Amino acid sequence: MTYRTTFSTLEEALTYASHVLQCASVTAYESGDRHKGEDRDLAFSSKYLIDHARAVIDESLSGLDAR
């Protein structure tokens, strides 16, 4: 599997990272939705952390747009 690691701009890289985190968030949610107990808690805590990281990236993107 090859991962994209070369970007023309910081904005392009942050947008890509935000998209990857969105996909990870959906995956964590779907996983949590199918489990119970501690496994469910772990999946949803992962979703929370992913969403937090995505919020930081999206806020950074907003700062770039304001320039």
C-alpha atoms as a PDB file:
ATOM      1  CA  MET A   1       0.000   0.000   0.000  1.00  0.00           C
ATOM      2  CA  THR A   2       1.323   3.421  -0.903  1.00  0.00           C
ATOM      3  CA  TYR A   3       0.488   6.527   1.096  1.00  0.00           C
ATOM      4  CA  ARG A   4       0.518   9.993  -0.359  1.00  0.00           C
ATOM      5  CA  THR A   5       3.239  12.036   1.328  1.00  0.00           C
ATOM      6  CA  THR A   6       4.110  14.740  -1.197  1.00  0.00           C
ATOM      7  CA  PHE A   7       2.016  17.888  -1.395  1.00  0.00           C
ATOM      8  CA  SER A   8       2.422  21.175  -3.234  1.00  0.00           C
ATOM      9  CA  THR A   9       1.230  23.351  -0.352  1.00  0.00           C
ATOM     10  CA  LEU A  10       0.613  23.213   3.377  1.00  0.00           C
ATOM     11  CA  GLU A  11      -3.079  23.752   2.693  1.00  0.00           C
ATOM     12  CA  GLU A  12      -3.180  20.726   0.390  1.00  0.00           C
ATOM     13  CA  ALA A  13      -1.462  18.568   3.031  1.00  0.00           C
ATOM     14  CA  LEU A  14      -3.796  19.702   5.814  1.00  0.00           C
ATOM     15  CA  THR A  15      -6.865  19.155   3.634  1.00  0.00           C
ATOM     16  CA  TYR A  16      -5.688  15.641   2.837  1.00  0.00           C
ATOM     17  CA  ALA A  17      -4.995  14.918   6.519  1.00  0.00           C
ATOM     18  CA  SER A  18      -8.453  16.185   7.429  1.00  0.00           C
ATOM     19  CA  HIS A  19     -10.000  13.851   4.856  1.00  0.00           C
ATOM     20  CA  VAL A  20      -8.005  10.872   6.157  1.00  0.00           C
ATOM     21  CA  LEU A  21      -9.109  11.658   9.720  1.00  0.00           C
ATOM     22  CA  GLN A  22     -12.734  11.920   8.581  1.00  0.00           C
ATOM     23  CA  CYS A  23     -12.460   8.415   7.128  1.00  0.00           C
ATOM     24  CA  ALA A  24     -10.872   7.155  10.363  1.00  0.00           C
ATOM     25  CA  SER A  25     -13.659   8.772  12.397  1.00  0.00           C
ATOM     26  CA  VAL A  26     -16.355   7.049  10.358  1.00  0.00           C
ATOM     27  CA  THR A  27     -14.519   3.730  10.692  1.00  0.00           C
ATOM     28  CA  ALA A  28     -14.243   4.123  14.479  1.00  0.00           C
ATOM     29  CA  TYR A  29     -17.922   5.040  14.742  1.00  0.00           C
ATOM     30  CA  GLU A  30     -19.048   2.071  12.671  1.00  0.00           C
ATOM     31  CA  SER A  31     -16.821  -0.226  14.718  1.00  0.00           C
ATOM     32  CA  GLY A  32     -18.204   1.116  17.986  1.00  0.00           C
ATOM     33  CA  ASP A  33     -21.738   0.828  16.740  1.00  0.00           C
ATOM     34  CA  ARG A  34     -21.234  -2.920  16.252  1.00  0.00           C
ATOM     35  CA  HIS A  35     -19.713  -3.637  19.674  1.00  0.00           C
ATOM     36  CA  LYS A  36     -20.762  -3.582  23.304  1.00  0.00           C
ATOM     37  CA  GLY A  37     -19.060  -2.835  26.582  1.00  0.00           C
ATOM     38  CA  GLU A  38     -15.361  -2.001  26.684  1.00  0.00           C
ATOM     39  CA  ASP A  39     -14.856  -2.630  22.967  1.00  0.00           C
ATOM     40  CA  ARG A  40     -17.559  -0.066  22.205  1.00  0.00           C
ATOM     41  CA  ASP A  41     -16.017   2.402  24.657  1.00  0.00           C
ATOM     42  CA  LEU A  42     -12.587   1.985  23.037  1.00  0.00           C
ATOM     43  CA  ALA A  43     -13.946   2.563  19.547  1.00  0.00           C
ATOM     44  CA  PHE A  44     -15.855   5.686  20.564  1.00  0.00           C
ATOM     45  CA  SER A  45     -12.911   7.058  22.540  1.00  0.00           C
ATOM     46  CA  SER A  46     -10.811   6.583  19.396  1.00  0.00           C
ATOM     47  CA  LYS A  47     -13.450   8.497  17.434  1.00  0.00           C
ATOM     48  CA  TYR A  48     -13.310  11.308  19.987  1.00  0.00           C
ATOM     49  CA  LEU A  49      -9.525  11.598  19.696  1.00  0.00           C
ATOM     50  CA  ILE A  50      -9.664  11.454  15.891  1.00  0.00           C
ATOM     51  CA  ASP A  51     -12.335  14.165  15.821  1.00  0.00           C
ATOM     52  CA  HIS A  52     -10.239  16.312  18.155  1.00  0.00           C
ATOM     53  CA  ALA A  53      -7.200  16.010  15.882  1.00  0.00           C
ATOM     54  CA  ARG A  54      -9.348  16.815  12.853  1.00  0.00           C
ATOM     55  CA  ALA A  55     -10.724  19.916  14.589  1.00  0.00           C
ATOM     56  CA  VAL A  56      -7.167  21.168  15.160  1.00  0.00           C
ATOM     57  CA  ILE A  57      -6.335  20.644  11.484  1.00  0.00           C
ATOM     58  CA  ASP A  58      -9.553  22.265  10.302  1.00  0.00           C
ATOM     59  CA  GLU A  59      -8.906  25.260  12.562  1.00  0.00           C
ATOM     60  CA  SER A  60      -5.419  25.524  11.066  1.00  0.00           C
ATOM     61  CA  LEU A  61      -6.952  25.479   7.607  1.00  0.00           C
ATOM     62  CA  SER A  62      -9.300  28.286   8.622  1.00  0.00           C
ATOM     63  CA  GLY A  63      -6.286  30.324   9.704  1.00  0.00           C
ATOM     64  CA  LEU A  64      -4.653  29.768   6.319  1.00  0.00           C
ATOM     65  CA  ASP A  65      -7.823  30.890   4.546  1.00  0.00           C
ATOM     66  CA  ALA A  66      -7.878  34.100   6.601  1.00  0.00           C
ATOM     67  CA  ARG A  67      -4.464  35.162   5.273  1.00  0.00           C
END
